Each structure stands twice: as structure tokens, then as C-alpha cells.
Amino acid sequence: MGSKVHILGGSPPVEVALKRSTRARRFTLRVSRSSGRVTLSMPEFAREAEALAFLDARADWVRKHLARRPEGQAPRIGGKIPIEGVAREIVTGAGRAARLREGRVELPEGQEGPRMAALLKQMARERLAERATHHAGRLGRGFGRITLRDTRSRWGSCSSKGDLMFCWRLIMAPPEVLDYVAAHEVAHLVEMNHSPAFWATCERLYPGYESPRRWLRERGGEILAWRFDPLP
């Protein structure tokens, strides 16, 4: 229910978004591993002075988590980029589109970021459609359309109409991680919640899902930190 910005003093100063929420029951600090955005959520009628005291007492915690954030990278010729969990060498390519060929990415010079993103989106759509179809078939269910987005707060979602959304950066993770997320969202076709029945369906579709789920928690920030915007 509204937000404002506070500057946490010290070296360096840190911008913190103060966010009031009708659902919050206590003060909560969050540091985004992808963007570095710091958010302090507070109950709707909490005193701001108390929230700032809470923040000041945890200033070291905030800076420690910011320091652990993966360093942002951008695709460049001569560098490497993870695709399906493997660091692929990036070499100069001909034409206008990036291609994965013989284990290397052929990337034309100029607009490297958008061209690389286009390749990753194409690969992600093909792989996610194949895995979602596989898992849905095991449940005897169909799904609507598949949408790809560059999301930061979730890796996928399933709407009440059965439409699936996925973060296309999943193609950068190991194949089992993408497969798990596809299974997770397909499981929502029968259980639109995170109840024990839902997790039982996940286990049925993807036995041992805890391992790829842990990978996302521990290393998902690495693929979210990559930048694909065009250079100025």
C-alpha cells in the first residue's frame, strides 16, 4: 500500500525501498540477488521510526548480502555464457542471428545482447514446450499457451485458464532445472496451490525435485545477473 525510498547511511550509502503492506505482520528485509534492490516491508500501520531502527540494526546484514550478489555480466565475443548449464565459448559469427553450433555460440558483432537473448528465448521456448507437453501428457491434461518473460521474482506460473509462463533464462541452467520448473507448473494444472497434494504431484512428475529446486535457490541469481540490453 504505497512505498518510499530511504537512504541507508554508511559507505557506500544504500537505497532502500520502504513498502507498506496490508499482508505484512512484521518487518521484513529482502535483497534481490538479480538487481541488488533492497526492500523493507512493513505492516500498514507500523511506525516508520521503528522500521528505520530495524533497518539500521541490520545494516551490516544488508551490505553482506549485497557483497555476495553475483557480478553482472554481458555476452561478448571471446567470452563464455552458460547454456543448458555448460559454459559455451562465444565466437564471431556471420549473418544477423546468433547460433549454437558445435557447442559454441556464433554471435555477429553489434547488438550482441539482444541477439544472444533472441537465441536463448528460441531455445527456451522449444525445450519448455517439449517438457511441458511431456509432463502434461503423464497427467492426462492439456494446457493453454506458453509465454516467456524475463521475470525476477518467479521462474514460472500457471494461470487458472491453464496458461503457462516461464522465465526464458531457465535455458541457461542445467537441463534438470528447466525440466523441474516445467513439471512444477504443469502440476498446478491439477493442484492450484502448494499443498501436500501438489508436492506429491511434483514428485510423481519429477522424482527428486529437491535438488534442482535447491539449485535455483542457491545459484539462480547467477543467471539473473546476466545483462542482455543493447550497449549505448
C-alpha atoms as a PDB file:
ATOM      1  CA  MET A   1       0.000   0.000   0.000  1.00  0.00           C
ATOM      2  CA  GLY A   2       2.472   2.614  -1.175  1.00  0.00           C
ATOM      3  CA  SER A   3       6.241   2.912  -0.864  1.00  0.00           C
ATOM      4  CA  LYS A   4       9.009   5.452  -0.461  1.00  0.00           C
ATOM      5  CA  VAL A   5      12.789   5.462  -0.638  1.00  0.00           C
ATOM      6  CA  HIS A   6      15.185   5.747   2.285  1.00  0.00           C
ATOM      7  CA  ILE A   7      18.957   6.094   2.039  1.00  0.00           C
ATOM      8  CA  LEU A   8      20.827   3.846   4.451  1.00  0.00           C
ATOM      9  CA  GLY A   9      23.897   5.816   5.535  1.00  0.00           C
ATOM     10  CA  GLY A  10      27.407   4.465   5.593  1.00  0.00           C
ATOM     11  CA  SER A  11      29.950   3.542   2.959  1.00  0.00           C
ATOM     12  CA  PRO A  12      28.595   3.146   0.422  1.00  0.00           C
ATOM     13  CA  PRO A  13      25.088   4.526   1.003  1.00  0.00           C
ATOM     14  CA  VAL A  14      22.332   2.075   0.063  1.00  0.00           C
ATOM     15  CA  GLU A  15      18.936   2.932  -1.397  1.00  0.00           C
ATOM     16  CA  VAL A  16      16.157   1.055   0.406  1.00  0.00           C
ATOM     17  CA  ALA A  17      12.529   0.885  -0.725  1.00  0.00           C
ATOM     18  CA  LEU A  18      10.132   1.153   2.225  1.00  0.00           C
ATOM     19  CA  LYS A  19       6.963  -0.725   1.346  1.00  0.00           C
ATOM     20  CA  ARG A  20       3.783  -0.818   3.418  1.00  0.00           C
ATOM     21  CA  SER A  21       1.610  -3.877   3.004  1.00  0.00           C
ATOM     22  CA  THR A  22      -1.758  -4.917   4.371  1.00  0.00           C
ATOM     23  CA  ARG A  23      -0.487  -8.512   4.447  1.00  0.00           C
ATOM     24  CA  ALA A  24       2.731  -7.822   6.369  1.00  0.00           C
ATOM     25  CA  ARG A  25       2.672  -8.771  10.043  1.00  0.00           C
ATOM     26  CA  ARG A  26       6.262  -7.836  10.825  1.00  0.00           C
ATOM     27  CA  PHE A  27       9.261  -6.023   9.363  1.00  0.00           C
ATOM     28  CA  THR A  28      10.955  -7.975   6.553  1.00  0.00           C
ATOM     29  CA  LEU A  29      14.153  -7.157   4.670  1.00  0.00           C
ATOM     30  CA  ARG A  30      14.865  -8.528   1.194  1.00  0.00           C
ATOM     31  CA  VAL A  31      17.909  -8.091  -1.054  1.00  0.00           C
ATOM     32  CA  SER A  32      17.319  -9.083  -4.677  1.00  0.00           C
ATOM     33  CA  ARG A  33      20.162 -11.251  -5.964  1.00  0.00           C
ATOM     34  CA  SER A  34      19.453 -10.180  -9.541  1.00  0.00           C
ATOM     35  CA  SER A  35      19.038  -6.409  -9.255  1.00  0.00           C
ATOM     36  CA  GLY A  36      20.518  -5.626  -5.839  1.00  0.00           C
ATOM     37  CA  ARG A  37      17.285  -3.841  -4.888  1.00  0.00           C
ATOM     38  CA  VAL A  38      16.792  -3.656  -1.124  1.00  0.00           C
ATOM     39  CA  THR A  39      13.202  -3.678   0.151  1.00  0.00           C
ATOM     40  CA  LEU A  40      11.931  -3.243   3.687  1.00  0.00           C
ATOM     41  CA  SER A  41       8.325  -4.408   4.020  1.00  0.00           C
ATOM     42  CA  MET A  42       6.298  -3.232   6.997  1.00  0.00           C
ATOM     43  CA  PRO A  43       2.749  -3.587   8.337  1.00  0.00           C
ATOM     44  CA  GLU A  44       0.376  -0.943   7.031  1.00  0.00           C
ATOM     45  CA  PHE A  45       0.111   0.991  10.305  1.00  0.00           C
ATOM     46  CA  ALA A  46       3.643   0.438  11.663  1.00  0.00           C
ATOM     47  CA  ARG A  47       5.614   3.493  12.766  1.00  0.00           C
ATOM     48  CA  GLU A  48       8.255   4.461  10.226  1.00  0.00           C
ATOM     49  CA  ALA A  49      10.712   5.307  13.021  1.00  0.00           C
ATOM     50  CA  GLU A  50      10.524   1.701  14.228  1.00  0.00           C
ATOM     51  CA  ALA A  51      11.069   0.421  10.688  1.00  0.00           C
ATOM     52  CA  LEU A  52      14.166   2.593  10.247  1.00  0.00           C
ATOM     53  CA  ALA A  53      15.542   1.431  13.594  1.00  0.00           C
ATOM     54  CA  PHE A  54      15.007  -2.161  12.417  1.00  0.00           C
ATOM     55  CA  LEU A  55      16.872  -1.328   9.190  1.00  0.00           C
ATOM     56  CA  ASP A  56      19.789   0.415  10.937  1.00  0.00           C
ATOM     57  CA  ALA A  57      20.278  -2.562  13.254  1.00  0.00           C
ATOM     58  CA  ARG A  58      20.656  -4.789  10.189  1.00  0.00           C
ATOM     59  CA  ALA A  59      22.811  -2.520   8.039  1.00  0.00           C
ATOM     60  CA  ASP A  60      25.740  -4.973   8.133  1.00  0.00           C
ATOM     61  CA  TRP A  61      23.424  -7.792   7.045  1.00  0.00           C
ATOM     62  CA  VAL A  62      22.248  -5.748   4.059  1.00  0.00           C
ATOM     63  CA  ARG A  63      25.796  -4.910   2.916  1.00  0.00           C
ATOM     64  CA  LYS A  64      26.942  -8.503   3.385  1.00  0.00           C
ATOM     65  CA  HIS A  65      24.176  -9.775   1.113  1.00  0.00           C
ATOM     66  CA  LEU A  66      24.863  -7.076  -1.464  1.00  0.00           C
ATOM     67  CA  ALA A  67      28.527  -8.116  -1.495  1.00  0.00           C
ATOM     68  CA  ARG A  68      27.518 -11.728  -2.173  1.00  0.00           C
ATOM     69  CA  ARG A  69      25.394 -10.777  -5.168  1.00  0.00           C
ATOM     70  CA  PRO A  70      26.732 -12.283  -8.421  1.00  0.00           C
ATOM     71  CA  GLU A  71      28.594  -9.800 -10.587  1.00  0.00           C
ATOM     72  CA  GLY A  72      26.632  -8.735 -13.643  1.00  0.00           C
ATOM     73  CA  GLN A  73      27.944  -9.938 -16.999  1.00  0.00           C
ATOM     74  CA  ALA A  74      27.063  -9.303 -20.610  1.00  0.00           C
ATOM     75  CA  PRO A  75      27.653 -11.587 -23.620  1.00  0.00           C
ATOM     76  CA  ARG A  76      30.751 -10.646 -25.584  1.00  0.00           C
ATOM     77  CA  ILE A  77      32.782 -12.231 -28.334  1.00  0.00           C
ATOM     78  CA  GLY A  78      35.736 -14.036 -26.784  1.00  0.00           C
ATOM     79  CA  GLY A  79      33.853 -14.685 -23.545  1.00  0.00           C
ATOM     80  CA  LYS A  80      31.598 -17.520 -22.404  1.00  0.00           C
ATOM     81  CA  ILE A  81      27.951 -17.872 -21.438  1.00  0.00           C
ATOM     82  CA  PRO A  82      26.098 -20.723 -19.709  1.00  0.00           C
ATOM     83  CA  ILE A  83      23.595 -22.534 -21.903  1.00  0.00           C
ATOM     84  CA  GLU A  84      21.970 -25.682 -20.542  1.00  0.00           C
ATOM     85  CA  GLY A  85      24.387 -25.500 -17.634  1.00  0.00           C
ATOM     86  CA  VAL A  86      27.514 -25.557 -19.810  1.00  0.00           C
ATOM     87  CA  ALA A  87      29.832 -22.564 -20.301  1.00  0.00           C
ATOM     88  CA  ARG A  88      29.773 -22.042 -24.076  1.00  0.00           C
ATOM     89  CA  GLU A  89      32.511 -20.150 -25.877  1.00  0.00           C
ATOM     90  CA  ILE A  90      31.293 -17.120 -27.842  1.00  0.00           C
ATOM     91  CA  VAL A  91      32.916 -16.615 -31.247  1.00  0.00           C
ATOM     92  CA  THR A  92      32.333 -14.212 -34.118  1.00  0.00           C
ATOM     93  CA  GLY A  93      29.500 -15.324 -36.371  1.00  0.00           C
ATOM     94  CA  ALA A  94      28.212 -14.350 -39.783  1.00  0.00           C
ATOM     95  CA  GLY A  95      24.730 -13.171 -40.665  1.00  0.00           C
ATOM     96  CA  ARG A  96      22.388 -11.376 -38.274  1.00  0.00           C
ATOM     97  CA  ALA A  97      21.349 -14.065 -35.787  1.00  0.00           C
ATOM     98  CA  ALA A  98      23.227 -15.857 -33.030  1.00  0.00           C
ATOM     99  CA  ARG A  99      23.538 -19.645 -33.424  1.00  0.00           C
ATOM    100  CA  LEU A 100      24.636 -22.519 -31.221  1.00  0.00           C
ATOM    101  CA  ARG A 101      26.819 -24.711 -33.386  1.00  0.00           C
ATOM    102  CA  GLU A 102      29.199 -27.492 -32.361  1.00  0.00           C
ATOM    103  CA  GLY A 103      28.997 -26.438 -28.735  1.00  0.00           C
ATOM    104  CA  ARG A 104      29.923 -22.804 -29.416  1.00  0.00           C
ATOM    105  CA  VAL A 105      27.825 -19.699 -29.830  1.00  0.00           C
ATOM    106  CA  GLU A 106      28.380 -17.889 -33.118  1.00  0.00           C
ATOM    107  CA  LEU A 107      27.467 -14.272 -32.394  1.00  0.00           C
ATOM    108  CA  PRO A 108      27.519 -11.500 -35.039  1.00  0.00           C
ATOM    109  CA  GLU A 109      29.205  -8.284 -33.935  1.00  0.00           C
ATOM    110  CA  GLY A 110      26.886  -5.461 -32.911  1.00  0.00           C
ATOM    111  CA  GLN A 111      23.796  -5.734 -30.692  1.00  0.00           C
ATOM    112  CA  GLU A 112      25.339  -8.774 -29.008  1.00  0.00           C
ATOM    113  CA  GLY A 113      22.983  -8.663 -26.035  1.00  0.00           C
ATOM    114  CA  PRO A 114      19.651  -8.670 -27.908  1.00  0.00           C
ATOM    115  CA  ARG A 115      20.921 -11.221 -30.429  1.00  0.00           C
ATOM    116  CA  MET A 116      22.058 -13.564 -27.684  1.00  0.00           C
ATOM    117  CA  ALA A 117      18.752 -13.101 -25.856  1.00  0.00           C
ATOM    118  CA  ALA A 118      16.851 -13.987 -29.050  1.00  0.00           C
ATOM    119  CA  LEU A 119      18.776 -17.262 -29.324  1.00  0.00           C
ATOM    120  CA  LEU A 120      18.151 -18.129 -25.667  1.00  0.00           C
ATOM    121  CA  LYS A 121      14.429 -17.371 -25.980  1.00  0.00           C
ATOM    122  CA  GLN A 122      14.116 -19.581 -29.057  1.00  0.00           C
ATOM    123  CA  MET A 123      15.888 -22.456 -27.337  1.00  0.00           C
ATOM    124  CA  ALA A 124      13.903 -21.951 -24.117  1.00  0.00           C
ATOM    125  CA  ARG A 125      10.559 -21.997 -25.956  1.00  0.00           C
ATOM    126  CA  GLU A 126      11.388 -25.222 -27.773  1.00  0.00           C
ATOM    127  CA  ARG A 127      12.674 -27.011 -24.678  1.00  0.00           C
ATOM    128  CA  LEU A 128       9.951 -25.787 -22.307  1.00  0.00           C
ATOM    129  CA  ALA A 129       7.178 -26.649 -24.768  1.00  0.00           C
ATOM    130  CA  GLU A 130       8.597 -30.160 -25.152  1.00  0.00           C
ATOM    131  CA  ARG A 131       8.953 -30.762 -21.396  1.00  0.00           C
ATOM    132  CA  ALA A 132       5.585 -29.209 -20.512  1.00  0.00           C
ATOM    133  CA  THR A 133       3.884 -31.401 -23.132  1.00  0.00           C
ATOM    134  CA  HIS A 134       5.651 -34.456 -21.737  1.00  0.00           C
ATOM    135  CA  HIS A 135       4.611 -33.786 -18.140  1.00  0.00           C
ATOM    136  CA  ALA A 136       1.058 -32.755 -19.031  1.00  0.00           C
ATOM    137  CA  GLY A 137       0.675 -35.961 -21.023  1.00  0.00           C
ATOM    138  CA  ARG A 138       1.577 -38.003 -17.953  1.00  0.00           C
ATOM    139  CA  LEU A 139      -1.242 -36.275 -16.079  1.00  0.00           C
ATOM    140  CA  GLY A 140      -3.685 -36.611 -18.945  1.00  0.00           C
ATOM    141  CA  ARG A 141      -4.103 -32.844 -19.005  1.00  0.00           C
ATOM    142  CA  GLY A 142      -3.755 -30.153 -21.630  1.00  0.00           C
ATOM    143  CA  PHE A 143      -2.538 -26.610 -21.157  1.00  0.00           C
ATOM    144  CA  GLY A 144      -3.105 -23.295 -22.882  1.00  0.00           C
ATOM    145  CA  ARG A 145      -0.448 -21.093 -24.353  1.00  0.00           C
ATOM    146  CA  ILE A 146       3.157 -20.802 -23.208  1.00  0.00           C
ATOM    147  CA  THR A 147       4.508 -17.306 -22.577  1.00  0.00           C
ATOM    148  CA  LEU A 148       8.156 -16.421 -21.967  1.00  0.00           C
ATOM    149  CA  ARG A 149       9.164 -13.439 -19.842  1.00  0.00           C
ATOM    150  CA  ASP A 150      12.277 -12.050 -18.224  1.00  0.00           C
ATOM    151  CA  THR A 151      10.958 -12.354 -14.682  1.00  0.00           C
ATOM    152  CA  ARG A 152      12.838 -11.693 -11.448  1.00  0.00           C
ATOM    153  CA  SER A 153      10.512 -12.878  -8.693  1.00  0.00           C
ATOM    154  CA  ARG A 154       9.380 -16.240 -10.101  1.00  0.00           C
ATOM    155  CA  TRP A 155      10.621 -18.849 -12.556  1.00  0.00           C
ATOM    156  CA  GLY A 156       7.191 -19.799 -13.819  1.00  0.00           C
ATOM    157  CA  SER A 157       3.460 -19.651 -13.221  1.00  0.00           C
ATOM    158  CA  CYS A 158       0.233 -21.359 -14.225  1.00  0.00           C
ATOM    159  CA  SER A 159      -2.982 -19.381 -14.654  1.00  0.00           C
ATOM    160  CA  SER A 160      -6.469 -20.561 -13.768  1.00  0.00           C
ATOM    161  CA  LYS A 161      -7.061 -20.984 -17.510  1.00  0.00           C
ATOM    162  CA  GLY A 162      -4.109 -23.347 -17.815  1.00  0.00           C
ATOM    163  CA  ASP A 163      -1.738 -20.898 -19.499  1.00  0.00           C
ATOM    164  CA  LEU A 164       1.909 -21.375 -18.556  1.00  0.00           C
ATOM    165  CA  MET A 165       4.535 -18.664 -18.113  1.00  0.00           C
ATOM    166  CA  PHE A 166       8.267 -19.294 -17.778  1.00  0.00           C
ATOM    167  CA  CYS A 167      11.393 -17.211 -17.373  1.00  0.00           C
ATOM    168  CA  TRP A 168      13.395 -17.787 -20.548  1.00  0.00           C
ATOM    169  CA  ARG A 169      16.662 -17.603 -18.610  1.00  0.00           C
ATOM    170  CA  LEU A 170      15.958 -21.165 -17.463  1.00  0.00           C
ATOM    171  CA  ILE A 171      17.677 -22.328 -20.661  1.00  0.00           C
ATOM    172  CA  MET A 172      20.927 -21.121 -19.083  1.00  0.00           C
ATOM    173  CA  ALA A 173      20.510 -23.508 -16.135  1.00  0.00           C
ATOM    174  CA  PRO A 174      21.253 -27.250 -16.214  1.00  0.00           C
ATOM    175  CA  PRO A 175      18.571 -29.195 -18.143  1.00  0.00           C
ATOM    176  CA  GLU A 176      17.229 -30.847 -14.993  1.00  0.00           C
ATOM    177  CA  VAL A 177      16.446 -27.411 -13.538  1.00  0.00           C
ATOM    178  CA  LEU A 178      14.384 -26.356 -16.546  1.00  0.00           C
ATOM    179  CA  ASP A 179      12.684 -29.759 -16.536  1.00  0.00           C
ATOM    180  CA  TYR A 180      11.747 -29.395 -12.864  1.00  0.00           C
ATOM    181  CA  VAL A 181      10.218 -25.938 -13.372  1.00  0.00           C
ATOM    182  CA  ALA A 182       8.187 -27.272 -16.314  1.00  0.00           C
ATOM    183  CA  ALA A 183       6.951 -30.138 -14.118  1.00  0.00           C
ATOM    184  CA  HIS A 184       6.221 -27.738 -11.240  1.00  0.00           C
ATOM    185  CA  GLU A 185       3.974 -25.504 -13.325  1.00  0.00           C
ATOM    186  CA  VAL A 186       2.252 -28.429 -15.038  1.00  0.00           C
ATOM    187  CA  ALA A 187       1.483 -29.838 -11.579  1.00  0.00           C
ATOM    188  CA  HIS A 188      -0.568 -26.694 -10.984  1.00  0.00           C
ATOM    189  CA  LEU A 189      -2.948 -27.880 -13.705  1.00  0.00           C
ATOM    190  CA  VAL A 190      -4.349 -30.296 -11.117  1.00  0.00           C
ATOM    191  CA  GLU A 191      -3.421 -28.522  -7.867  1.00  0.00           C
ATOM    192  CA  MET A 192      -3.604 -24.703  -7.937  1.00  0.00           C
ATOM    193  CA  ASN A 193      -1.790 -24.395  -4.613  1.00  0.00           C
ATOM    194  CA  HIS A 194       1.316 -25.624  -2.811  1.00  0.00           C
ATOM    195  CA  SER A 195      -0.442 -28.207  -0.674  1.00  0.00           C
ATOM    196  CA  PRO A 196       0.971 -31.660   0.162  1.00  0.00           C
ATOM    197  CA  ALA A 197      -1.078 -32.979  -2.771  1.00  0.00           C
ATOM    198  CA  PHE A 198       0.678 -30.531  -5.092  1.00  0.00           C
ATOM    199  CA  TRP A 199       4.153 -31.594  -3.949  1.00  0.00           C
ATOM    200  CA  ALA A 200       3.145 -35.232  -4.293  1.00  0.00           C
ATOM    201  CA  THR A 201       2.229 -34.485  -7.918  1.00  0.00           C
ATOM    202  CA  CYS A 202       5.617 -32.786  -8.401  1.00  0.00           C
ATOM    203  CA  GLU A 203       7.347 -35.867  -7.000  1.00  0.00           C
ATOM    204  CA  ARG A 204       5.366 -38.057  -9.371  1.00  0.00           C
ATOM    205  CA  LEU A 205       6.320 -35.949 -12.397  1.00  0.00           C
ATOM    206  CA  TYR A 206       9.894 -35.247 -11.356  1.00  0.00           C
ATOM    207  CA  PRO A 207      11.250 -37.588  -8.656  1.00  0.00           C
ATOM    208  CA  GLY A 208      13.993 -35.926  -6.621  1.00  0.00           C
ATOM    209  CA  TYR A 209      12.828 -32.408  -7.463  1.00  0.00           C
ATOM    210  CA  GLU A 210      14.503 -31.080  -4.299  1.00  0.00           C
ATOM    211  CA  SER A 211      17.919 -30.971  -5.996  1.00  0.00           C
ATOM    212  CA  PRO A 212      17.019 -28.671  -8.952  1.00  0.00           C
ATOM    213  CA  ARG A 213      14.836 -26.622  -6.620  1.00  0.00           C
ATOM    214  CA  ARG A 214      17.857 -26.100  -4.363  1.00  0.00           C
ATOM    215  CA  TRP A 215      19.966 -25.114  -7.412  1.00  0.00           C
ATOM    216  CA  LEU A 216      17.520 -22.300  -8.162  1.00  0.00           C
ATOM    217  CA  ARG A 217      17.668 -21.040  -4.578  1.00  0.00           C
ATOM    218  CA  GLU A 218      21.455 -21.159  -4.382  1.00  0.00           C
ATOM    219  CA  ARG A 219      22.550 -20.311  -7.922  1.00  0.00           C
ATOM    220  CA  GLY A 220      19.573 -18.832  -9.712  1.00  0.00           C
ATOM    221  CA  GLY A 221      20.957 -15.361  -9.061  1.00  0.00           C
ATOM    222  CA  GLU A 222      23.895 -16.157 -11.351  1.00  0.00           C
ATOM    223  CA  ILE A 223      21.719 -16.397 -14.457  1.00  0.00           C
ATOM    224  CA  LEU A 224      19.517 -13.494 -13.373  1.00  0.00           C
ATOM    225  CA  ALA A 225      22.614 -11.280 -13.155  1.00  0.00           C
ATOM    226  CA  TRP A 226      23.359 -11.549 -16.895  1.00  0.00           C
ATOM    227  CA  ARG A 227      22.534  -8.389 -18.889  1.00  0.00           C
ATOM    228  CA  PHE A 228      21.216  -8.509 -22.434  1.00  0.00           C
ATOM    229  CA  ASP A 229      20.348  -4.878 -23.030  1.00  0.00           C
ATOM    230  CA  PRO A 230      21.963  -3.182 -26.052  1.00  0.00           C
ATOM    231  CA  LEU A 231      25.092  -1.194 -25.353  1.00  0.00           C
ATOM    232  CA  PRO A 232      24.693   2.612 -25.509  1.00  0.00           C
END
